[in-house]
């Protein structure tokens, strides 16, 4: 008789408990939100940056991450040679380019 009572108590307790996957649902939801708010935009920005760097050629006006404005005078495998003043050239890593010079972009948009 005690065995039947124990089984009855266990089955009623188990019937009221949520399924095991329900415990992990909030964690999964947070992971999905984290992906769409942080990881995906960062991947998109990185792809745009890589496309910009691969499209640069000699004569383009660029801005570096340190704020240096210059004109690309030579493109190498891993670096750019940038002319920043008359007879002053610096060699920088390709990853330090953050964009085109705004003056060049606004002039080409107005034409």
PDB file of N, CA and C in Angstrom:
ATOM      1  N   UNK A   1       0.810  -1.186   0.000  1.00  0.00           N
ATOM      2  CA  UNK A   1       0.000   0.000   0.000  1.00  0.00           C
ATOM      3  C   UNK A   1       0.859   1.258   0.000  1.00  0.00           C
ATOM      4  N   UNK A   2       1.959   1.238   0.771  1.00  0.00           N
ATOM      5  CA  UNK A   2       2.833   2.383   0.825  1.00  0.00           C
ATOM      6  C   UNK A   2       3.477   2.654  -0.532  1.00  0.00           C
ATOM      7  N   UNK A   3       3.742   1.615  -1.305  1.00  0.00           N
ATOM      8  CA  UNK A   3       4.355   1.783  -2.612  1.00  0.00           C
ATOM      9  C   UNK A   3       3.398   2.524  -3.532  1.00  0.00           C
ATOM     10  N   UNK A   4       2.114   2.172  -3.496  1.00  0.00           N
ATOM     11  CA  UNK A   4       1.127   2.847  -4.328  1.00  0.00           C
ATOM     12  C   UNK A   4       0.970   4.314  -3.936  1.00  0.00           C
ATOM     13  N   UNK A   5       0.992   4.596  -2.646  1.00  0.00           N
ATOM     14  CA  UNK A   5       0.888   5.973  -2.194  1.00  0.00           C
ATOM     15  C   UNK A   5       2.105   6.790  -2.643  1.00  0.00           C
ATOM     16  N   UNK A   6       3.286   6.199  -2.553  1.00  0.00           N
ATOM     17  CA  UNK A   6       4.508   6.873  -2.984  1.00  0.00           C
ATOM     18  C   UNK A   6       4.472   7.163  -4.480  1.00  0.00           C
ATOM     19  N   UNK A   7       4.013   6.203  -5.270  1.00  0.00           N
ATOM     20  CA  UNK A   7       3.898   6.402  -6.710  1.00  0.00           C
ATOM     21  C   UNK A   7       2.868   7.476  -7.037  1.00  0.00           C
ATOM     22  N   UNK A   8       1.787   7.514  -6.305  1.00  0.00           N
ATOM     23  CA  UNK A   8       0.752   8.511  -6.542  1.00  0.00           C
ATOM     24  C   UNK A   8       1.272   9.913  -6.221  1.00  0.00           C
ATOM     25  N   UNK A   9       2.011  10.048  -5.133  1.00  0.00           N
ATOM     26  CA  UNK A   9       2.564  11.350  -4.758  1.00  0.00           C
ATOM     27  C   UNK A   9       3.604  11.796  -5.796  1.00  0.00           C
ATOM     28  N   UNK A  10       4.467  10.890  -6.243  1.00  0.00           N
ATOM     29  CA  UNK A  10       5.514  11.218  -7.219  1.00  0.00           C
ATOM     30  C   UNK A  10       4.900  11.608  -8.558  1.00  0.00           C
ATOM     31  N   UNK A  11       3.877  10.902  -8.993  1.00  0.00           N
ATOM     32  CA  UNK A  11       3.266  11.209 -10.292  1.00  0.00           C
ATOM     33  C   UNK A  11       2.526  12.541 -10.262  1.00  0.00           C
ATOM     34  N   UNK A  12       1.909  12.900  -9.144  1.00  0.00           N
ATOM     35  CA  UNK A  12       1.233  14.191  -9.073  1.00  0.00           C
ATOM     36  C   UNK A  12       2.244  15.336  -8.994  1.00  0.00           C
ATOM     37  N   UNK A  13       3.372  15.108  -8.329  1.00  0.00           N
ATOM     38  CA  UNK A  13       4.397  16.141  -8.249  1.00  0.00           C
ATOM     39  C   UNK A  13       5.046  16.351  -9.624  1.00  0.00           C
ATOM     40  N   UNK A  14       5.261  15.283 -10.349  1.00  0.00           N
ATOM     41  CA  UNK A  14       5.877  15.381 -11.669  1.00  0.00           C
ATOM     42  C   UNK A  14       4.921  16.023 -12.682  1.00  0.00           C
ATOM     43  N   UNK A  15       3.664  15.851 -12.512  1.00  0.00           N
ATOM     44  CA  UNK A  15       2.700  16.426 -13.441  1.00  0.00           C
ATOM     45  C   UNK A  15       2.664  17.954 -13.322  1.00  0.00           C
ATOM     46  N   UNK A  16       2.963  18.516 -12.176  1.00  0.00           N
ATOM     47  CA  UNK A  16       2.931  19.954 -11.983  1.00  0.00           C
ATOM     48  C   UNK A  16       4.244  20.641 -12.330  1.00  0.00           C
ATOM     49  N   UNK A  17       5.314  19.881 -12.520  1.00  0.00           N
ATOM     50  CA  UNK A  17       6.632  20.470 -12.803  1.00  0.00           C
ATOM     51  C   UNK A  17       6.735  20.850 -14.277  1.00  0.00           C
ATOM     52  N   UNK A  18       7.412  21.940 -14.582  1.00  0.00           N
ATOM     53  CA  UNK A  18       7.596  22.324 -15.988  1.00  0.00           C
ATOM     54  C   UNK A  18       8.574  21.369 -16.673  1.00  0.00           C
ATOM     55  N   UNK A  19       8.520  21.297 -17.975  1.00  0.00           N
ATOM     56  CA  UNK A  19       9.454  20.410 -18.681  1.00  0.00           C
ATOM     57  C   UNK A  19      10.905  20.882 -18.496  1.00  0.00           C
ATOM     58  N   UNK A  20      11.826  19.957 -18.677  1.00  0.00           N
ATOM     59  CA  UNK A  20      13.240  20.266 -18.437  1.00  0.00           C
ATOM     60  C   UNK A  20      13.758  21.345 -19.387  1.00  0.00           C
ATOM     61  N   UNK A  21      13.318  21.383 -20.617  1.00  0.00           N
ATOM     62  CA  UNK A  21      13.802  22.375 -21.578  1.00  0.00           C
ATOM     63  C   UNK A  21      13.368  23.785 -21.213  1.00  0.00           C
ATOM     64  N   UNK A  22      12.295  23.902 -20.428  1.00  0.00           N
ATOM     65  CA  UNK A  22      11.796  25.215 -20.036  1.00  0.00           C
ATOM     66  C   UNK A  22      12.781  25.948 -19.117  1.00  0.00           C
ATOM     67  N   UNK A  23      13.616  25.195 -18.423  1.00  0.00           N
ATOM     68  CA  UNK A  23      14.620  25.824 -17.569  1.00  0.00           C
ATOM     69  C   UNK A  23      15.670  26.548 -18.400  1.00  0.00           C
ATOM     70  N   UNK A  24      15.951  26.053 -19.603  1.00  0.00           N
ATOM     71  CA  UNK A  24      16.991  26.629 -20.450  1.00  0.00           C
ATOM     72  C   UNK A  24      16.448  27.656 -21.445  1.00  0.00           C
ATOM     73  N   UNK A  25      15.154  27.827 -21.509  1.00  0.00           N
ATOM     74  CA  UNK A  25      14.553  28.780 -22.450  1.00  0.00           C
ATOM     75  C   UNK A  25      15.027  30.221 -22.213  1.00  0.00           C
ATOM     76  N   UNK A  26      15.068  30.723 -20.990  1.00  0.00           N
ATOM     77  CA  UNK A  26      15.566  32.102 -20.796  1.00  0.00           C
ATOM     78  C   UNK A  26      17.023  32.272 -21.230  1.00  0.00           C
ATOM     79  N   UNK A  27      17.845  31.270 -20.973  1.00  0.00           N
ATOM     80  CA  UNK A  27      19.243  31.340 -21.380  1.00  0.00           C
ATOM     81  C   UNK A  27      19.359  31.350 -22.904  1.00  0.00           C
ATOM     82  N   UNK A  28      18.570  30.548 -23.564  1.00  0.00           N
ATOM     83  CA  UNK A  28      18.547  30.521 -25.028  1.00  0.00           C
ATOM     84  C   UNK A  28      18.056  31.857 -25.579  1.00  0.00           C
ATOM     85  N   UNK A  29      17.045  32.421 -24.970  1.00  0.00           N
ATOM     86  CA  UNK A  29      16.503  33.714 -25.394  1.00  0.00           C
ATOM     87  C   UNK A  29      17.557  34.822 -25.252  1.00  0.00           C
ATOM     88  N   UNK A  30      18.287  34.826 -24.157  1.00  0.00           N
ATOM     89  CA  UNK A  30      19.352  35.813 -23.944  1.00  0.00           C
ATOM     90  C   UNK A  30      20.456  35.630 -24.988  1.00  0.00           C
ATOM     91  N   UNK A  31      20.784  34.388 -25.305  1.00  0.00           N
ATOM     92  CA  UNK A  31      21.791  34.113 -26.325  1.00  0.00           C
ATOM     93  C   UNK A  31      21.380  34.629 -27.689  1.00  0.00           C
ATOM     94  N   UNK A  32      20.120  34.468 -28.057  1.00  0.00           N
ATOM     95  CA  UNK A  32      19.614  34.961 -29.345  1.00  0.00           C
ATOM     96  C   UNK A  32      19.662  36.484 -29.381  1.00  0.00           C
ATOM     97  N   UNK A  33      19.243  37.130 -28.310  1.00  0.00           N
ATOM     98  CA  UNK A  33      19.279  38.597 -28.248  1.00  0.00           C
ATOM     99  C   UNK A  33      20.721  39.085 -28.341  1.00  0.00           C
ATOM    100  N   UNK A  34      21.626  38.432 -27.635  1.00  0.00           N
ATOM    101  CA  UNK A  34      23.037  38.788 -27.664  1.00  0.00           C
ATOM    102  C   UNK A  34      23.585  38.706 -29.092  1.00  0.00           C
ATOM    103  N   UNK A  35      23.205  37.654 -29.825  1.00  0.00           N
ATOM    104  CA  UNK A  35      23.668  37.496 -31.200  1.00  0.00           C
ATOM    105  C   UNK A  35      23.177  38.643 -32.083  1.00  0.00           C
ATOM    106  N   UNK A  36      21.895  38.959 -32.021  1.00  0.00           N
ATOM    107  CA  UNK A  36      21.338  39.970 -32.918  1.00  0.00           C
ATOM    108  C   UNK A  36      21.725  41.399 -32.540  1.00  0.00           C
ATOM    109  N   UNK A  37      22.017  41.667 -31.283  1.00  0.00           N
ATOM    110  CA  UNK A  37      22.372  43.020 -30.876  1.00  0.00           C
ATOM    111  C   UNK A  37      23.873  43.290 -30.894  1.00  0.00           C
ATOM    112  N   UNK A  38      24.704  42.258 -30.725  1.00  0.00           N
ATOM    113  CA  UNK A  38      26.140  42.494 -30.634  1.00  0.00           C
ATOM    114  C   UNK A  38      26.956  41.805 -31.727  1.00  0.00           C
ATOM    115  N   UNK A  39      26.776  40.538 -31.914  1.00  0.00           N
ATOM    116  CA  UNK A  39      27.646  39.780 -32.808  1.00  0.00           C
ATOM    117  C   UNK A  39      27.346  40.074 -34.273  1.00  0.00           C
ATOM    118  N   UNK A  40      26.107  40.018 -34.673  1.00  0.00           N
ATOM    119  CA  UNK A  40      25.753  40.204 -36.079  1.00  0.00           C
ATOM    120  C   UNK A  40      26.118  41.601 -36.610  1.00  0.00           C
ATOM    121  N   UNK A  41      25.816  42.687 -35.893  1.00  0.00           N
ATOM    122  CA  UNK A  41      26.241  44.000 -36.392  1.00  0.00           C
ATOM    123  C   UNK A  41      27.768  44.132 -36.499  1.00  0.00           C
ATOM    124  N   UNK A  42      28.486  43.531 -35.574  1.00  0.00           N
ATOM    125  CA  UNK A  42      29.947  43.591 -35.626  1.00  0.00           C
ATOM    126  C   UNK A  42      30.473  42.845 -36.842  1.00  0.00           C
ATOM    127  N   UNK A  43      29.880  41.696 -37.171  1.00  0.00           N
ATOM    128  CA  UNK A  43      30.293  40.952 -38.359  1.00  0.00           C
ATOM    129  C   UNK A  43      29.998  41.748 -39.625  1.00  0.00           C
ATOM    130  N   UNK A  44      28.862  42.409 -39.667  1.00  0.00           N
ATOM    131  CA  UNK A  44      28.498  43.215 -40.831  1.00  0.00           C
ATOM    132  C   UNK A  44      29.468  44.381 -40.999  1.00  0.00           C
ATOM    133  N   UNK A  45      29.815  45.048 -39.912  1.00  0.00           N
ATOM    134  CA  UNK A  45      30.752  46.164 -39.962  1.00  0.00           C
ATOM    135  C   UNK A  45      32.127  45.684 -40.415  1.00  0.00           C
ATOM    136  N   UNK A  46      32.561  44.532 -39.959  1.00  0.00           N
ATOM    137  CA  UNK A  46      33.861  43.990 -40.353  1.00  0.00           C
ATOM    138  C   UNK A  46      33.875  43.667 -41.852  1.00  0.00           C
ATOM    139  N   UNK A  47      32.782  43.113 -42.388  1.00  0.00           N
ATOM    140  CA  UNK A  47      32.706  42.827 -43.818  1.00  0.00           C
ATOM    141  C   UNK A  47      32.776  44.109 -44.639  1.00  0.00           C
ATOM    142  N   UNK A  48      32.097  45.159 -44.198  1.00  0.00           N
ATOM    143  CA  UNK A  48      32.140  46.442 -44.896  1.00  0.00           C
ATOM    144  C   UNK A  48      33.552  47.028 -44.861  1.00  0.00           C
ATOM    145  N   UNK A  49      34.234  46.921 -43.730  1.00  0.00           N
ATOM    146  CA  UNK A  49      35.598  47.424 -43.603  1.00  0.00           C
ATOM    147  C   UNK A  49      36.535  46.659 -44.532  1.00  0.00           C
ATOM    148  N   UNK A  50      36.390  45.348 -44.605  1.00  0.00           N
ATOM    149  CA  UNK A  50      37.220  44.539 -45.478  1.00  0.00           C
ATOM    150  C   UNK A  50      36.970  44.871 -46.941  1.00  0.00           C
ATOM    151  N   UNK A  51      35.707  45.106 -47.315  1.00  0.00           N
ATOM    152  CA  UNK A  51      35.380  45.493 -48.694  1.00  0.00           C
ATOM    153  C   UNK A  51      35.999  46.841 -49.036  1.00  0.00           C
ATOM    154  N   UNK A  52      35.975  47.771 -48.096  1.00  0.00           N
ATOM    155  CA  UNK A  52      36.582  49.085 -48.317  1.00  0.00           C
ATOM    156  C   UNK A  52      38.083  48.953 -48.540  1.00  0.00           C
ATOM    157  N   UNK A  53      38.751  48.190 -47.701  1.00  0.00           N
ATOM    158  CA  UNK A  53      40.203  48.044 -47.803  1.00  0.00           C
ATOM    159  C   UNK A  53      40.599  47.377 -49.116  1.00  0.00           C
ATOM    160  N   UNK A  54      39.854  46.371 -49.536  1.00  0.00           N
ATOM    161  CA  UNK A  54      40.207  45.692 -50.784  1.00  0.00           C
ATOM    162  C   UNK A  54      39.920  46.550 -52.009  1.00  0.00           C
ATOM    163  N   UNK A  55      39.011  47.520 -51.901  1.00  0.00           N
ATOM    164  CA  UNK A  55      38.684  48.357 -53.051  1.00  0.00           C
ATOM    165  C   UNK A  55      39.588  49.582 -53.187  1.00  0.00           C
ATOM    166  N   UNK A  56      40.422  49.863 -52.180  1.00  0.00           N
ATOM    167  CA  UNK A  56      41.292  51.040 -52.244  1.00  0.00           C
ATOM    168  C   UNK A  56      42.385  50.861 -53.281  1.00  0.00           C
ATOM    169  N   UNK A  57      42.725  51.957 -53.947  1.00  0.00           N
ATOM    170  CA  UNK A  57      43.759  51.940 -54.983  1.00  0.00           C
ATOM    171  C   UNK A  57      44.603  53.200 -54.874  1.00  0.00           C
ATOM    172  N   UNK A  58      45.647  53.265 -55.642  1.00  0.00           N
ATOM    173  CA  UNK A  58      46.525  54.423 -55.652  1.00  0.00           C
ATOM    174  C   UNK A  58      45.750  55.670 -56.064  1.00  0.00           C
ATOM    175  N   UNK A  59      45.945  56.745 -55.303  1.00  0.00           N
ATOM    176  CA  UNK A  59      45.269  58.008 -55.586  1.00  0.00           C
ATOM    177  C   UNK A  59      44.043  58.263 -54.722  1.00  0.00           C
ATOM    178  N   UNK A  60      43.569  57.274 -53.980  1.00  0.00           N
ATOM    179  CA  UNK A  60      42.412  57.475 -53.103  1.00  0.00           C
ATOM    180  C   UNK A  60      42.822  58.278 -51.871  1.00  0.00           C
ATOM    181  N   UNK A  61      41.949  59.194 -51.464  1.00  0.00           N
ATOM    182  CA  UNK A  61      42.171  59.956 -50.236  1.00  0.00           C
ATOM    183  C   UNK A  61      41.543  59.179 -49.088  1.00  0.00           C
ATOM    184  N   UNK A  62      42.330  58.925 -48.046  1.00  0.00           N
ATOM    185  CA  UNK A  62      41.879  58.086 -46.936  1.00  0.00           C
ATOM    186  C   UNK A  62      42.142  58.755 -45.593  1.00  0.00           C
ATOM    187  N   UNK A  63      41.510  58.197 -44.572  1.00  0.00           N
ATOM    188  CA  UNK A  63      41.709  58.619 -43.183  1.00  0.00           C
ATOM    189  C   UNK A  63      42.109  57.381 -42.392  1.00  0.00           C
ATOM    190  N   UNK A  64      43.135  57.507 -41.568  1.00  0.00           N
ATOM    191  CA  UNK A  64      43.566  56.385 -40.740  1.00  0.00           C
ATOM    192  C   UNK A  64      42.861  56.428 -39.386  1.00  0.00           C
ATOM    193  N   UNK A  65      43.019  55.364 -38.631  1.00  0.00           N
ATOM    194  CA  UNK A  65      42.391  55.308 -37.309  1.00  0.00           C
ATOM    195  C   UNK A  65      42.990  56.325 -36.349  1.00  0.00           C
ATOM    196  N   UNK A  66      44.186  56.803 -36.631  1.00  0.00           N
ATOM    197  CA  UNK A  66      44.797  57.825 -35.770  1.00  0.00           C
ATOM    198  C   UNK A  66      44.465  59.241 -36.231  1.00  0.00           C
ATOM    199  N   UNK A  67      43.663  59.361 -37.293  1.00  0.00           N
ATOM    200  CA  UNK A  67      43.223  60.670 -37.739  1.00  0.00           C
ATOM    201  C   UNK A  67      44.094  61.305 -38.807  1.00  0.00           C
ATOM    202  N   UNK A  68      45.013  60.555 -39.373  1.00  0.00           N
ATOM    203  CA  UNK A  68      45.888  61.096 -40.419  1.00  0.00           C
ATOM    204  C   UNK A  68      45.167  61.025 -41.757  1.00  0.00           C
ATOM    205  N   UNK A  69      45.123  62.154 -42.462  1.00  0.00           N
ATOM    206  CA  UNK A  69      44.524  62.225 -43.792  1.00  0.00           C
ATOM    207  C   UNK A  69      45.653  62.186 -44.808  1.00  0.00           C
ATOM    208  N   UNK A  70      45.464  61.405 -45.857  1.00  0.00           N
ATOM    209  CA  UNK A  70      46.499  61.334 -46.874  1.00  0.00           C
ATOM    210  C   UNK A  70      45.994  60.693 -48.145  1.00  0.00           C
ATOM    211  N   UNK A  71      46.896  60.598 -49.118  1.00  0.00           N
ATOM    212  CA  UNK A  71      46.593  60.012 -50.415  1.00  0.00           C
ATOM    213  C   UNK A  71      47.448  58.756 -50.573  1.00  0.00           C
ATOM    214  N   UNK A  72      46.816  57.662 -50.981  1.00  0.00           N
ATOM    215  CA  UNK A  72      47.543  56.418 -51.169  1.00  0.00           C
ATOM    216  C   UNK A  72      48.473  56.576 -52.373  1.00  0.00           C
ATOM    217  N   UNK A  73      49.759  56.333 -52.150  1.00  0.00           N
ATOM    218  CA  UNK A  73      50.704  56.440 -53.255  1.00  0.00           C
ATOM    219  C   UNK A  73      51.208  55.079 -53.708  1.00  0.00           C
ATOM    220  N   UNK A  74      51.035  54.046 -52.882  1.00  0.00           N
ATOM    221  CA  UNK A  74      51.457  52.702 -53.265  1.00  0.00           C
ATOM    222  C   UNK A  74      50.680  51.686 -52.429  1.00  0.00           C
ATOM    223  N   UNK A  75      50.252  50.623 -53.086  1.00  0.00           N
ATOM    224  CA  UNK A  75      49.532  49.551 -52.400  1.00  0.00           C
ATOM    225  C   UNK A  75      50.422  48.320 -52.381  1.00  0.00           C
ATOM    226  N   UNK A  76      50.687  47.801 -51.186  1.00  0.00           N
ATOM    227  CA  UNK A  76      51.484  46.584 -51.028  1.00  0.00           C
ATOM    228  C   UNK A  76      50.585  45.471 -50.508  1.00  0.00           C
ATOM    229  N   UNK A  77      51.168  44.309 -50.248  1.00  0.00           N
ATOM    230  CA  UNK A  77      50.371  43.174 -49.783  1.00  0.00           C
ATOM    231  C   UNK A  77      49.678  43.450 -48.451  1.00  0.00           C
ATOM    232  N   UNK A  78      50.425  43.932 -47.482  1.00  0.00           N
ATOM    233  CA  UNK A  78      49.878  44.138 -46.141  1.00  0.00           C
ATOM    234  C   UNK A  78      49.836  45.593 -45.713  1.00  0.00           C
ATOM    235  N   UNK A  79      50.416  46.484 -46.516  1.00  0.00           N
ATOM    236  CA  UNK A  79      50.510  47.882 -46.107  1.00  0.00           C
ATOM    237  C   UNK A  79      50.163  48.823 -47.256  1.00  0.00           C
ATOM    238  N   UNK A  80      49.948  50.079 -46.879  1.00  0.00           N
ATOM    239  CA  UNK A  80      49.775  51.169 -47.834  1.00  0.00           C
ATOM    240  C   UNK A  80      50.898  52.174 -47.592  1.00  0.00           C
ATOM    241  N   UNK A  81      51.356  52.794 -48.665  1.00  0.00           N
ATOM    242  CA  UNK A  81      52.268  53.915 -48.553  1.00  0.00           C
ATOM    243  C   UNK A  81      51.417  55.157 -48.785  1.00  0.00           C
ATOM    244  N   UNK A  82      51.334  56.021 -47.768  1.00  0.00           N
ATOM    245  CA  UNK A  82      50.430  57.168 -47.829  1.00  0.00           C
ATOM    246  C   UNK A  82      51.238  58.457 -47.836  1.00  0.00           C
ATOM    247  N   UNK A  83      50.896  59.334 -48.767  1.00  0.00           N
ATOM    248  CA  UNK A  83      51.524  60.653 -48.843  1.00  0.00           C
ATOM    249  C   UNK A  83      50.683  61.601 -47.992  1.00  0.00           C
ATOM    250  N   UNK A  84      51.297  62.149 -46.938  1.00  0.00           N
ATOM    251  CA  UNK A  84      50.549  63.024 -46.036  1.00  0.00           C
ATOM    252  C   UNK A  84      50.914  64.483 -46.211  1.00  0.00           C
ATOM    253  N   UNK A  85      52.041  64.747 -46.860  1.00  0.00           N
ATOM    254  CA  UNK A  85      52.468  66.116 -47.156  1.00  0.00           C
ATOM    255  C   UNK A  85      53.436  66.040 -48.327  1.00  0.00           C
ATOM    256  N   UNK A  86      53.861  67.192 -48.786  1.00  0.00           N
ATOM    257  CA  UNK A  86      54.818  67.224 -49.891  1.00  0.00           C
ATOM    258  C   UNK A  86      56.106  66.516 -49.468  1.00  0.00           C
ATOM    259  N   UNK A  87      56.479  65.488 -50.191  1.00  0.00           N
ATOM    260  CA  UNK A  87      57.666  64.649 -49.963  1.00  0.00           C
ATOM    261  C   UNK A  87      57.671  63.949 -48.597  1.00  0.00           C
ATOM    262  N   UNK A  88      56.501  63.760 -47.984  1.00  0.00           N
ATOM    263  CA  UNK A  88      56.402  63.020 -46.720  1.00  0.00           C
ATOM    264  C   UNK A  88      55.453  61.847 -46.941  1.00  0.00           C
ATOM    265  N   UNK A  89      56.012  60.647 -46.841  1.00  0.00           N
ATOM    266  CA  UNK A  89      55.215  59.436 -47.017  1.00  0.00           C
ATOM    267  C   UNK A  89      55.407  58.540 -45.803  1.00  0.00           C
ATOM    268  N   UNK A  90      54.314  57.892 -45.415  1.00  0.00           N
ATOM    269  CA  UNK A  90      54.388  56.946 -44.306  1.00  0.00           C
ATOM    270  C   UNK A  90      53.814  55.613 -44.774  1.00  0.00           C
ATOM    271  N   UNK A  91      54.313  54.543 -44.179  1.00  0.00           N
ATOM    272  CA  UNK A  91      53.800  53.214 -44.490  1.00  0.00           C
ATOM    273  C   UNK A  91      52.956  52.756 -43.314  1.00  0.00           C
ATOM    274  N   UNK A  92      51.718  52.401 -43.606  1.00  0.00           N
ATOM    275  CA  UNK A  92      50.808  51.979 -42.536  1.00  0.00           C
ATOM    276  C   UNK A  92      50.193  50.630 -42.882  1.00  0.00           C
ATOM    277  N   UNK A  93      49.722  49.955 -41.867  1.00  0.00           N
ATOM    278  CA  UNK A  93      49.048  48.678 -42.040  1.00  0.00           C
ATOM    279  C   UNK A  93      47.676  48.911 -42.663  1.00  0.00           C
ATOM    280  N   UNK A  94      47.222  47.977 -43.481  1.00  0.00           N
ATOM    281  CA  UNK A  94      45.932  48.143 -44.157  1.00  0.00           C
ATOM    282  C   UNK A  94      44.773  48.235 -43.170  1.00  0.00           C
ATOM    283  N   UNK A  95      44.888  47.555 -42.053  1.00  0.00           N
ATOM    284  CA  UNK A  95      43.791  47.548 -41.087  1.00  0.00           C
ATOM    285  C   UNK A  95      43.604  48.880 -40.375  1.00  0.00           C
ATOM    286  N   UNK A  96      44.569  49.792 -40.503  1.00  0.00           N
ATOM    287  CA  UNK A  96      44.429  51.080 -39.821  1.00  0.00           C
ATOM    288  C   UNK A  96      43.624  52.092 -40.631  1.00  0.00           C
ATOM    289  N   UNK A  97      43.217  51.751 -41.841  1.00  0.00           N
ATOM    290  CA  UNK A  97      42.361  52.641 -42.643  1.00  0.00           C
ATOM    291  C   UNK A  97      40.931  52.502 -42.146  1.00  0.00           C
ATOM    292  N   UNK A  98      40.302  53.634 -41.799  1.00  0.00           N
ATOM    293  CA  UNK A  98      38.921  53.562 -41.325  1.00  0.00           C
ATOM    294  C   UNK A  98      37.921  54.062 -42.350  1.00  0.00           C
ATOM    295  N   UNK A  99      38.392  54.777 -43.359  1.00  0.00           N
ATOM    296  CA  UNK A  99      37.446  55.241 -44.366  1.00  0.00           C
ATOM    297  C   UNK A  99      38.081  56.166 -45.377  1.00  0.00           C
ATOM    298  N   UNK A 100      37.260  56.548 -46.338  1.00  0.00           N
ATOM    299  CA  UNK A 100      37.678  57.532 -47.318  1.00  0.00           C
ATOM    300  C   UNK A 100      37.588  58.915 -46.718  1.00  0.00           C
ATOM    301  N   UNK A 101      38.373  59.837 -47.254  1.00  0.00           N
ATOM    302  CA  UNK A 101      38.334  61.224 -46.800  1.00  0.00           C
ATOM    303  C   UNK A 101      36.967  61.807 -47.125  1.00  0.00           C
ATOM    304  N   UNK A 102      36.343  62.477 -46.193  1.00  0.00           N
ATOM    305  CA  UNK A 102      34.981  63.006 -46.366  1.00  0.00           C
ATOM    306  C   UNK A 102      34.897  64.028 -47.485  1.00  0.00           C
ATOM    307  N   UNK A 103      35.936  64.808 -47.680  1.00  0.00           N
ATOM    308  CA  UNK A 103      35.922  65.820 -48.731  1.00  0.00           C
ATOM    309  C   UNK A 103      35.783  65.179 -50.101  1.00  0.00           C
ATOM    310  N   UNK A 104      36.480  64.055 -50.322  1.00  0.00           N
ATOM    311  CA  UNK A 104      36.392  63.361 -51.604  1.00  0.00           C
ATOM    312  C   UNK A 104      35.003  62.779 -51.803  1.00  0.00           C
ATOM    313  N   UNK A 105      34.416  62.233 -50.743  1.00  0.00           N
ATOM    314  CA  UNK A 105      33.097  61.620 -50.845  1.00  0.00           C
ATOM    315  C   UNK A 105      32.043  62.665 -51.151  1.00  0.00           C
ATOM    316  N   UNK A 106      32.098  63.838 -50.489  1.00  0.00           N
ATOM    317  CA  UNK A 106      31.086  64.860 -50.725  1.00  0.00           C
ATOM    318  C   UNK A 106      31.237  65.478 -52.095  1.00  0.00           C
ATOM    319  N   UNK A 107      32.463  65.613 -52.608  1.00  0.00           N
ATOM    320  CA  UNK A 107      32.661  66.152 -53.948  1.00  0.00           C
ATOM    321  C   UNK A 107      32.130  65.206 -55.014  1.00  0.00           C
ATOM    322  N   UNK A 108      32.341  63.908 -54.848  1.00  0.00           N
ATOM    323  CA  UNK A 108      31.876  62.958 -55.853  1.00  0.00           C
ATOM    324  C   UNK A 108      30.361  62.794 -55.798  1.00  0.00           C
ATOM    325  N   UNK A 109      29.741  62.983 -54.617  1.00  0.00           N
ATOM    326  CA  UNK A 109      28.279  62.894 -54.513  1.00  0.00           C
ATOM    327  C   UNK A 109      27.597  64.072 -55.166  1.00  0.00           C
ATOM    328  N   UNK A 110      28.236  65.243 -55.163  1.00  0.00           N
ATOM    329  CA  UNK A 110      27.598  66.444 -55.711  1.00  0.00           C
ATOM    330  C   UNK A 110      27.686  66.510 -57.234  1.00  0.00           C
ATOM    331  N   UNK A 111      28.530  65.695 -57.840  1.00  0.00           N
ATOM    332  CA  UNK A 111      28.683  65.720 -59.305  1.00  0.00           C
ATOM    333  C   UNK A 111      27.601  64.977 -60.013  1.00  0.00           C
TER     334      UNK A 111
END
